[in-house]
Protein backbone atom coordinates (compact mmCIF):
# COMPACT_ATOMS: atom_id res chain seq x y z
CA MET A 1 0.00 0.00 0.00
CA SER A 2 1.25 3.48 -0.86
CA ARG A 3 2.30 5.85 1.87
CA LEU A 4 0.15 8.95 2.52
CA VAL A 5 1.63 12.45 2.62
CA VAL A 6 -0.66 15.16 4.01
CA ILE A 7 0.20 18.82 3.32
CA SER A 8 -1.70 21.58 5.13
CA ASN A 9 -1.13 25.07 6.44
CA ARG A 10 -0.79 23.84 10.03
CA VAL A 11 0.16 20.43 11.38
CA ALA A 12 -1.47 18.65 14.31
CA VAL A 13 1.49 16.97 15.98
CA PRO A 14 0.19 13.68 17.41
CA LYS A 15 0.67 12.95 21.08
CA ALA A 16 2.75 10.14 22.46
CA ARG A 17 1.49 6.56 22.36
CA GLY A 18 -1.21 5.92 24.92
CA VAL A 19 -2.81 9.38 24.68
CA ALA A 20 -3.02 9.87 20.91
CA GLY A 21 -6.67 8.82 20.99
CA ALA A 22 -7.51 12.01 22.87
CA GLN A 23 -7.37 13.89 19.59
CA GLY A 24 -10.61 13.96 17.60
CA GLY A 25 -12.09 15.67 14.55
CA LEU A 26 -10.23 16.14 11.27
CA ALA A 27 -6.81 16.05 12.94
CA GLY A 28 -7.60 12.74 14.62
CA ALA A 29 -8.92 11.21 11.39
CA LEU A 30 -5.90 12.31 9.39
CA ASN A 31 -3.56 11.00 12.06
CA ALA A 32 -5.39 7.66 11.96
CA ALA A 33 -5.13 7.55 8.16
CA LEU A 34 -1.45 8.45 8.33
CA LYS A 35 -0.85 5.61 10.79
CA ASP A 36 -2.70 3.19 8.51
CA TYR A 37 -0.68 4.27 5.47
CA GLY A 38 2.57 4.86 7.37
CA GLY A 39 2.61 8.52 6.47
CA LEU A 40 3.98 12.02 6.78
CA TRP A 41 2.27 15.32 7.66
CA PHE A 42 3.96 18.51 6.46
CA GLY A 43 3.13 22.19 7.08
CA TRP A 44 3.84 25.39 8.96
CA SER A 45 4.88 25.12 12.60
CA GLY A 46 2.84 28.18 13.57
CA GLN A 47 6.06 29.88 14.63
CA GLU A 48 7.75 32.95 13.18
CA SER A 49 11.47 32.99 12.54
CA ASP A 50 13.87 35.06 10.49
CA ASP A 51 15.95 31.95 9.89
CA ARG A 52 16.17 31.44 6.12
CA THR A 53 18.27 28.29 6.32
CA GLY A 54 15.27 26.11 5.58
CA ASN A 55 15.55 24.16 8.81
CA MET A 56 12.80 21.57 9.26
CA ASN A 57 11.58 20.04 12.50
CA LEU A 58 10.98 16.31 12.07
CA GLN A 59 9.20 14.28 14.74
CA ARG A 60 7.88 10.74 14.84
CA ASN A 61 5.11 9.77 17.25
CA ASP A 62 2.93 6.68 17.24
CA GLY A 63 3.80 5.78 13.65
CA VAL A 64 3.27 9.28 12.18
CA THR A 65 6.07 11.56 11.04
CA THR A 66 5.46 15.31 11.16
CA ALA A 67 7.63 17.83 9.35
CA THR A 68 7.24 21.55 10.04
CA ILE A 69 8.98 24.75 8.99
CA ASP A 70 8.84 28.25 10.45
CA LEU A 71 7.75 31.30 8.45
CA SER A 72 9.06 34.85 8.62
CA LYS A 73 6.91 37.69 9.90
CA ARG A 74 6.65 38.96 6.32
CA ASP A 75 5.47 35.54 5.15
CA VAL A 76 2.81 35.41 7.86
CA ASP A 77 1.62 38.95 7.08
CA GLU A 78 1.44 38.45 3.33
CA TYR A 79 0.60 34.77 2.88
CA TYR A 80 -1.53 33.98 5.94
CA ASN A 81 -3.07 37.20 7.28
CA GLY A 82 -2.94 38.74 3.81
CA TYR A 83 -3.87 36.72 0.77
CA ALA A 84 -5.26 33.61 2.47
CA ASN A 85 -7.40 35.30 5.12
CA SER A 86 -7.99 38.80 3.75
CA THR A 87 -8.50 37.85 0.09
CA LEU A 88 -9.45 34.20 -0.46
CA TRP A 89 -11.40 33.60 2.75
CA PRO A 90 -13.87 36.52 2.33
CA LEU A 91 -14.16 35.93 -1.42
CA PHE A 92 -14.86 32.22 -0.98
CA HIS A 93 -17.54 33.12 1.59
CA TYR A 94 -19.20 35.56 -0.86
CA ARG A 95 -17.97 38.65 1.04
CA ILE A 96 -16.39 40.48 -1.86
CA ASP A 97 -16.98 43.72 0.06
CA LEU A 98 -14.40 42.57 2.63
CA ALA A 99 -11.86 41.08 0.20
CA GLU A 100 -8.57 42.93 -0.17
CA PHE A 101 -6.84 42.62 -3.54
CA GLU A 102 -3.20 43.52 -3.02
CA ASN A 103 -0.38 42.50 -5.37
CA GLU A 104 2.16 42.15 -2.56
CA THR A 105 0.07 39.71 -0.53
CA GLY A 106 -0.56 37.71 -3.70
CA LYS A 107 3.18 37.52 -4.28
CA GLY A 108 3.66 36.42 -0.67
CA TYR A 109 1.08 33.65 -1.16
CA GLU A 110 2.93 32.39 -4.23
CA ARG A 111 6.29 32.66 -2.45
CA VAL A 112 5.21 30.58 0.55
CA ASN A 113 3.61 27.94 -1.67
CA GLU A 114 6.92 27.75 -3.56
CA ARG A 115 8.77 27.36 -0.29
CA PHE A 116 6.39 24.66 0.95
CA ALA A 117 6.85 22.73 -2.32
CA GLU A 118 10.63 23.11 -2.21
CA SER A 119 10.76 21.93 1.41
CA VAL A 120 8.43 18.92 1.13
CA MET A 121 9.55 17.62 -2.27
CA PRO A 122 12.66 15.78 -0.96
CA LEU A 123 10.42 13.96 1.55
CA ILE A 124 8.02 12.57 -1.08
CA GLU A 125 8.70 9.05 -2.34
CA ASP A 126 7.79 7.88 -5.84
CA ASP A 127 4.65 5.91 -4.95
CA ASP A 128 3.29 8.19 -2.20
CA LEU A 129 -0.29 9.47 -2.27
CA VAL A 130 -0.18 13.22 -1.61
CA TRP A 131 -3.21 14.99 -0.09
CA VAL A 132 -3.21 18.82 0.05
CA HIS A 133 -5.71 20.67 2.24
CA ASP A 134 -7.48 23.98 1.89
CA TYR A 135 -7.32 27.43 0.35
CA HIS A 136 -3.93 28.31 1.81
CA LEU A 137 -2.15 25.89 -0.54
CA ILE A 138 -4.09 25.82 -3.81
CA PRO A 139 -1.00 26.26 -6.06
CA ILE A 140 1.27 23.73 -4.35
CA GLY A 141 0.17 20.80 -6.52
CA GLN A 142 1.41 22.53 -9.64
CA ARG A 143 4.61 23.57 -7.85
CA LEU A 144 5.25 19.91 -7.02
CA ARG A 145 4.58 18.93 -10.65
CA GLU A 146 7.13 21.51 -11.78
CA ARG A 147 9.67 19.79 -9.52
CA GLY A 148 9.02 16.45 -11.13
CA ALA A 149 6.35 14.90 -8.87
CA LYS A 150 4.43 12.24 -10.81
CA ASN A 151 2.51 11.05 -7.73
CA ARG A 152 -1.24 10.87 -7.34
CA ILE A 153 -1.94 14.29 -5.77
CA GLY A 154 -5.34 15.26 -4.36
CA PHE A 155 -6.71 18.53 -3.02
CA PHE A 156 -9.64 19.15 -0.67
CA LEU A 157 -11.26 22.56 -0.14
CA HIS A 158 -12.82 22.98 3.31
CA THR A 159 -14.54 26.28 2.41
CA PRO A 160 -17.27 27.10 -0.12
CA TRP A 161 -16.32 27.69 -3.73
CA PRO A 162 -17.90 30.95 -5.01
CA PRO A 163 -20.03 31.43 -8.13
CA THR A 164 -18.11 32.28 -11.27
CA ARG A 165 -19.10 35.96 -11.37
CA LEU A 166 -17.75 36.45 -7.86
CA LEU A 167 -14.54 34.52 -8.48
CA THR A 168 -13.74 36.55 -11.58
CA SER A 169 -13.37 39.62 -9.35
CA LEU A 170 -10.10 38.06 -8.15
CA PRO A 171 -7.09 39.32 -10.09
CA PHE A 172 -5.40 36.42 -11.92
CA HIS A 173 -8.31 34.14 -11.03
CA ASP A 174 -7.68 31.98 -14.11
CA ARG A 175 -4.08 31.40 -13.07
CA LEU A 176 -5.22 30.22 -9.63
CA VAL A 177 -7.78 27.79 -11.04
CA ARG A 178 -5.34 26.46 -13.65
CA THR A 179 -3.04 25.41 -10.80
CA MET A 180 -5.90 23.33 -9.35
CA LEU A 181 -6.07 21.32 -12.56
CA ALA A 182 -2.58 19.96 -11.79
CA TYR A 183 -4.19 17.72 -9.14
CA ASP A 184 -5.58 14.29 -9.91
CA LEU A 185 -8.61 14.61 -7.59
CA ILE A 186 -10.28 17.74 -6.22
CA GLY A 187 -12.79 17.47 -3.38
CA PHE A 188 -15.50 19.93 -2.34
CA GLN A 189 -17.83 19.88 0.66
CA THR A 190 -21.11 19.95 -1.27
CA GLU A 191 -22.62 19.50 -4.72
CA GLU A 192 -23.29 23.25 -4.82
CA TRP A 193 -19.62 24.21 -4.55
CA LEU A 194 -18.71 21.44 -7.01
CA GLY A 195 -21.25 22.79 -9.48
CA SER A 196 -19.77 26.28 -9.20
CA PHE A 197 -16.33 24.86 -9.97
CA TYR A 198 -17.66 22.97 -12.99
CA HIS A 199 -19.30 26.18 -14.23
CA TYR A 200 -16.08 28.16 -13.96
CA CYS A 201 -14.03 25.51 -15.75
CA GLU A 202 -16.53 25.31 -18.60
CA ASN A 203 -17.26 28.99 -19.04
CA GLU A 204 -13.96 30.68 -18.18
CA LEU A 205 -11.38 28.09 -19.22
CA GLY A 206 -13.29 26.28 -21.95
CA ALA A 207 -12.66 22.92 -20.31
CA GLN A 208 -14.72 19.84 -21.09
CA VAL A 209 -16.72 18.69 -18.06
CA GLU A 210 -18.38 15.30 -17.70
CA LYS A 211 -20.51 15.79 -14.60
CA SER A 212 -21.67 12.19 -14.35
CA THR A 213 -18.11 11.03 -13.62
CA GLY A 214 -16.57 14.27 -12.37
CA GLU A 215 -14.02 14.37 -15.21
CA ILE A 216 -12.62 17.76 -16.25
CA THR A 217 -10.41 17.74 -19.35
CA PHE A 218 -8.25 20.76 -20.07
CA GLU A 219 -5.16 21.09 -22.26
CA ASP A 220 -4.74 17.32 -22.67
CA ARG A 221 -5.00 16.64 -18.94
CA THR A 222 -7.91 15.08 -17.05
CA VAL A 223 -8.68 15.73 -13.38
CA PHE A 224 -11.59 14.42 -11.31
CA ALA A 225 -13.67 16.77 -9.10
CA ARG A 226 -16.29 15.42 -6.71
CA ALA A 227 -18.23 16.26 -3.56
CA TYR A 228 -17.14 14.66 -0.28
CA PRO A 229 -19.24 15.97 2.64
CA ILE A 230 -17.08 15.82 5.75
CA GLY A 231 -18.43 14.35 8.98
CA ILE A 232 -17.62 14.40 12.67
CA ASP A 233 -15.50 11.89 14.57
CA TRP A 234 -18.56 10.08 15.97
CA ASP A 235 -16.79 7.59 18.21
CA HIS A 236 -14.45 10.18 19.68
CA PHE A 237 -17.29 12.62 20.35
CA GLN A 238 -19.40 9.97 22.06
CA ARG A 239 -16.44 9.01 24.24
CA GLN A 240 -16.15 12.67 25.26
CA GLY A 241 -19.82 12.62 26.20
CA ALA A 242 -19.23 9.77 28.64
CA THR A 243 -16.57 11.67 30.61
CA ASP A 244 -17.01 13.33 33.99
CA GLU A 245 -16.02 16.61 32.33
CA ALA A 246 -18.98 16.45 29.95
CA LYS A 247 -21.41 15.50 32.69
CA ALA A 248 -20.15 18.31 34.92
CA ALA A 249 -20.57 20.81 32.06
CA GLU A 250 -24.14 19.63 31.47
CA GLU A 251 -24.99 20.00 35.16
CA ARG A 252 -23.29 23.38 35.31
CA LEU A 253 -25.42 24.77 32.51
CA LEU A 254 -28.65 23.23 33.79
CA GLU A 255 -28.10 24.60 37.29
CA SER A 256 -27.19 28.07 36.05
CA THR A 257 -30.25 28.38 33.81
CA ARG A 258 -32.60 27.56 36.71
CA ASN A 259 -35.32 25.76 34.72
CA ARG A 260 -35.12 28.18 31.79
CA THR A 261 -34.83 26.75 28.29
CA ALA A 262 -31.22 26.98 27.09
CA MET A 263 -30.52 27.87 23.45
CA ILE A 264 -26.88 27.66 22.34
CA GLY A 265 -24.59 28.80 19.55
CA VAL A 266 -20.92 27.83 19.26
CA ASP A 267 -18.91 29.55 16.55
CA ARG A 268 -15.50 31.02 15.87
CA LEU A 269 -15.69 34.80 15.97
CA ASP A 270 -15.90 35.19 12.21
CA TYR A 271 -18.10 37.31 9.93
CA SER A 272 -19.08 34.23 7.91
CA LYS A 273 -20.89 32.80 10.96
CA GLY A 274 -23.72 35.36 10.89
CA LEU A 275 -23.42 36.26 14.58
CA PRO A 276 -24.71 39.87 14.43
CA GLU A 277 -27.60 38.70 12.25
CA ARG A 278 -28.29 35.92 14.76
CA ILE A 279 -28.45 38.42 17.62
CA ASP A 280 -30.79 40.59 15.53
CA GLY A 281 -33.10 37.58 15.08
CA ILE A 282 -33.06 36.82 18.80
CA GLY A 283 -33.79 40.46 19.53
CA ARG A 284 -36.74 40.31 17.13
CA PHE A 285 -38.01 37.20 18.91
CA PHE A 286 -37.93 38.94 22.30
CA ASP A 287 -39.64 41.99 20.77
CA GLN A 288 -42.44 39.78 19.48
CA HIS A 289 -42.60 37.52 22.54
CA PRO A 290 -41.39 39.56 25.54
CA GLU A 291 -42.83 36.98 27.95
CA HIS A 292 -40.09 34.56 26.90
CA ALA A 293 -37.32 36.78 28.25
CA ARG A 294 -37.86 35.04 31.58
CA ASP A 295 -37.94 31.45 30.35
CA LEU A 296 -35.40 31.40 27.47
CA VAL A 297 -31.67 32.09 27.73
CA PHE A 298 -29.33 32.19 24.75
CA ILE A 299 -25.68 31.23 25.28
CA GLN A 300 -23.30 32.34 22.53
CA ILE A 301 -19.81 30.85 22.78
CA ALA A 302 -17.54 32.69 20.34
CA PRO A 303 -13.81 32.18 20.80
CA PRO A 304 -11.76 34.86 19.01
CA SER A 305 -9.90 34.08 15.79
CA ARG A 306 -7.50 35.95 13.49
CA GLU A 307 -7.40 38.92 15.83
CA ASP A 308 -4.71 40.61 13.71
CA VAL A 309 -7.19 41.05 10.84
CA GLU A 310 -9.21 44.29 11.11
CA SER A 311 -12.52 42.82 9.94
CA TYR A 312 -12.41 40.34 12.83
CA GLN A 313 -11.89 43.12 15.34
CA LYS A 314 -14.96 44.88 13.93
CA ILE A 315 -17.17 41.79 14.19
CA ARG A 316 -16.29 41.40 17.86
CA ASN A 317 -17.16 45.03 18.61
CA THR A 318 -20.45 44.74 16.73
CA LEU A 319 -21.44 41.55 18.51
CA GLU A 320 -20.66 42.98 21.94
CA GLN A 321 -22.68 46.11 21.16
CA LYS A 322 -25.76 44.24 19.91
CA THR A 323 -25.69 41.80 22.82
CA GLY A 324 -25.40 44.66 25.29
CA GLN A 325 -28.36 46.49 23.77
CA ILE A 326 -30.69 43.47 24.08
CA ASN A 327 -29.53 42.67 27.60
CA GLY A 328 -29.94 46.29 28.61
CA ALA A 329 -33.53 46.30 27.37
CA ARG A 330 -34.57 42.84 28.60
CA SER A 331 -32.53 42.07 31.73
CA GLU A 332 -33.87 42.09 35.27
CA VAL A 333 -31.97 41.79 38.53
CA ASP A 334 -32.06 38.00 38.30
CA ILE A 335 -32.36 37.50 34.52
CA VAL A 336 -30.01 38.11 31.57
CA PRO A 337 -31.46 36.85 28.25
CA ILE A 338 -28.13 36.55 26.39
CA ARG A 339 -24.85 35.21 27.72
CA TYR A 340 -21.97 36.10 25.42
CA VAL A 341 -18.80 34.11 26.13
CA ASN A 342 -15.63 35.11 24.28
CA GLN A 343 -13.58 31.99 24.97
CA GLY A 344 -13.27 28.36 23.92
CA TYR A 345 -14.11 25.11 25.70
CA SER A 346 -12.97 21.50 25.42
CA HIS A 347 -14.82 18.99 23.25
CA ALA A 348 -16.13 17.25 26.37
CA GLU A 349 -17.47 20.49 27.84
CA LEU A 350 -19.17 21.38 24.56
CA TYR A 351 -20.84 17.97 24.52
CA GLY A 352 -22.28 18.71 27.95
CA PHE A 353 -23.42 22.20 26.97
CA PHE A 354 -25.09 20.88 23.80
CA ARG A 355 -26.92 18.14 25.70
CA ALA A 356 -28.25 20.66 28.22
CA SER A 357 -29.54 22.99 25.46
CA LYS A 358 -32.97 22.40 23.96
CA ILE A 359 -32.27 24.56 20.90
CA GLY A 360 -29.08 24.72 18.85
CA LEU A 361 -28.55 27.74 16.61
CA VAL A 362 -26.19 27.22 13.67
CA THR A 363 -26.92 30.12 11.33
CA PRO A 364 -23.88 31.08 9.22
CA LEU A 365 -24.29 33.42 6.30
CA ARG A 366 -22.07 31.03 4.35
CA ASP A 367 -20.16 27.99 5.54
CA GLY A 368 -18.39 25.08 3.89
CA MET A 369 -19.93 22.43 6.16
CA ASN A 370 -20.27 23.49 9.82
CA LEU A 371 -19.67 20.42 11.94
CA VAL A 372 -21.09 22.14 15.05
CA ALA A 373 -24.54 21.35 13.64
CA LYS A 374 -23.72 17.65 13.55
CA GLU A 375 -22.08 17.72 16.98
CA TYR A 376 -25.14 19.39 18.50
CA VAL A 377 -27.42 16.62 17.21
CA ALA A 378 -24.92 13.91 18.18
CA ALA A 379 -24.95 15.14 21.79
CA GLN A 380 -28.73 14.97 22.23
CA ASP A 381 -30.70 12.58 24.41
CA PRO A 382 -32.64 10.37 21.95
CA ASP A 383 -35.61 10.29 24.36
CA ASP A 384 -35.75 14.07 24.77
CA PRO A 385 -33.71 15.67 21.98
CA GLY A 386 -33.29 19.35 21.29
CA VAL A 387 -34.10 21.15 18.04
CA LEU A 388 -31.44 22.18 15.52
CA ILE A 389 -32.08 25.50 13.78
CA LEU A 390 -29.77 25.51 10.75
CA SER A 391 -28.92 28.09 8.11
CA ASP A 392 -29.91 27.25 4.57
CA PHE A 393 -26.42 28.49 3.60
CA ALA A 394 -24.44 26.03 5.74
CA GLY A 395 -23.01 23.10 3.81
CA ALA A 396 -24.53 20.75 6.38
CA ALA A 397 -28.04 21.87 5.38
CA GLN A 398 -27.93 19.62 2.30
CA GLN A 399 -27.53 16.58 4.57
CA LEU A 400 -29.57 17.62 7.61
CA ASP A 401 -32.67 19.16 6.04
CA CYS A 402 -33.98 15.62 5.40
CA ASP A 403 -36.77 16.86 3.11
CA GLY A 404 -37.97 19.26 5.80
CA LYS A 405 -38.10 16.54 8.46
CA GLY A 406 -34.73 17.11 10.13
CA ALA A 407 -33.27 20.47 11.07
CA VAL A 408 -35.46 23.58 11.07
CA VAL A 409 -33.84 25.35 8.11
CA VAL A 410 -33.85 29.14 8.17
CA ASN A 411 -32.71 32.16 6.15
CA PRO A 412 -30.10 33.74 8.50
CA HIS A 413 -30.45 37.15 6.84
CA SER A 414 -34.07 37.52 8.01
CA PRO A 415 -34.65 38.45 11.67
CA ASP A 416 -38.33 37.55 11.31
CA ALA A 417 -37.52 34.12 9.89
CA LEU A 418 -35.15 33.39 12.75
CA ALA A 419 -37.70 34.60 15.30
CA ARG A 420 -40.32 32.27 13.79
CA ALA A 421 -37.88 29.35 13.87
CA ILE A 422 -37.16 29.92 17.57
CA LYS A 423 -40.89 30.00 18.33
CA THR A 424 -41.37 26.80 16.31
CA ALA A 425 -38.60 25.09 18.27
CA LEU A 426 -39.99 26.20 21.64
CA ASP A 427 -43.48 24.96 20.79
CA MET A 428 -42.40 21.67 19.21
CA SER A 429 -43.75 18.48 20.77
CA VAL A 430 -41.40 15.81 22.05
CA GLU A 431 -42.74 13.42 19.40
CA GLU A 432 -41.76 15.77 16.57
CA ARG A 433 -38.39 16.49 18.17
CA LYS A 434 -37.67 12.76 18.34
CA SER A 435 -38.77 12.28 14.73
CA ARG A 436 -36.48 15.06 13.50
CA TYR A 437 -33.60 13.70 15.55
CA GLN A 438 -34.05 10.22 14.07
CA ALA A 439 -34.10 11.67 10.54
CA MET A 440 -30.65 13.21 11.06
CA ILE A 441 -28.75 10.90 13.36
CA GLY A 442 -28.08 8.08 10.87
CA THR A 443 -26.09 10.18 8.42
CA ILE A 444 -24.28 11.95 11.26
CA ARG A 445 -23.20 8.60 12.73
CA ASP A 446 -22.37 6.77 9.50
CA ASP A 447 -21.03 9.54 7.24
CA ASN A 448 -18.28 10.30 9.73
CA VAL A 449 -14.83 11.76 9.26
CA GLN A 450 -13.19 8.34 9.05
CA ALA A 451 -15.52 7.31 6.21
CA TRP A 452 -14.78 10.64 4.49
CA THR A 453 -11.03 10.14 4.78
CA LYS A 454 -11.19 6.58 3.45
CA GLN A 455 -13.43 7.51 0.52
CA PHE A 456 -11.17 10.34 -0.62
CA CYS A 457 -7.96 8.31 -0.28
CA ASP A 458 -9.52 5.31 -2.06
CA ASP A 459 -10.68 7.49 -4.95
CA LEU A 460 -7.30 9.24 -5.15
CA ALA A 461 -5.52 5.91 -5.39
CA ALA A 462 -7.99 4.48 -7.92
CA ASP A 463 -8.75 7.27 -10.41
């Protein structure tokens, strides 16, 4: 069996034998796949250094080798904070108004991808499968080809892929997409993003697209592009739910809400998550149903992210202001309708918080998948489950709508629609809640991250 080489912006260094199983999610699944294949994980260390010697930190733990390099402050500013997170991220989430198109950050993005390719190429063996992850490293496949790599090389995009008319606002957009066609297999989260990619290739590049098989032929080369919806690490998450930490978190939330219905949202502090719009919808609900200010409490957990990027600083200020306005209008001496928490919690604690909450709000304006929606459902008591309110623009909506019998799907841009969804969830009978839970839980359990990893690697090896 071929060895697997994973290339990503950051590397999750596995823990020593005996505790490696503590790691869940995508990192845990990739580590498991790397152990099965006997593989290597390469990427940025997360550290800044002015050292241009090209030093690489190699570690081997529990059968997995990790290889990391440092980046300079300039590289981080231009490649990571700049082009990746101030240009591609907003554009891929349909926020062209927030995208910054700067030549220097684009050059930095190309430079770091060149450096990644130069650093990892000597580590790649002739029959390795190479799997590249996410928008940070789109060009690296072509850079490896230019250095002689004839391996099977796959790429998976964890974000949405924008419609053609939005993507063409990106300077040199055709050059970026052409580099993607150097891969053998390209994976997207949903059929929608895959369809947008097909449309671009047909209409902007003149490529031949066979949608039934996923084949894209361009300039005498054929690449396959398909949808691979990512799942949660079901077994790991359920093990977290059985811990004392999870049970303590559940009790902590139940005791603090004092018989009020808990409604929860857990999101990175990011403008794609629709947090101000969510608060507007909750405010509209309390305006329309002021009596519920005493029996419903909303807990928003929003750990900060990318705090060096100005747009993220603005979203935090906006969220704090909107939350303060509602609490100022609706609070009493013993009641606060919204709890805004600007920090993160462990997976076990989140399991407990989800289980104690009778409504889960997952309402991004645009999201590649949003695994929080699946984790919320996975944490529920099958005999008394909560209700998932899910944005129509989350990738997970295609799996969890279940023909209208699963999640309560909502337009996150409409405060009135969100207010109606909250009222629907509060009034829902236990029989309907159980029915909706049963409609979703099978795909959440079976279409897990391990199945996703295996399917992509099998297709990469076979195509």
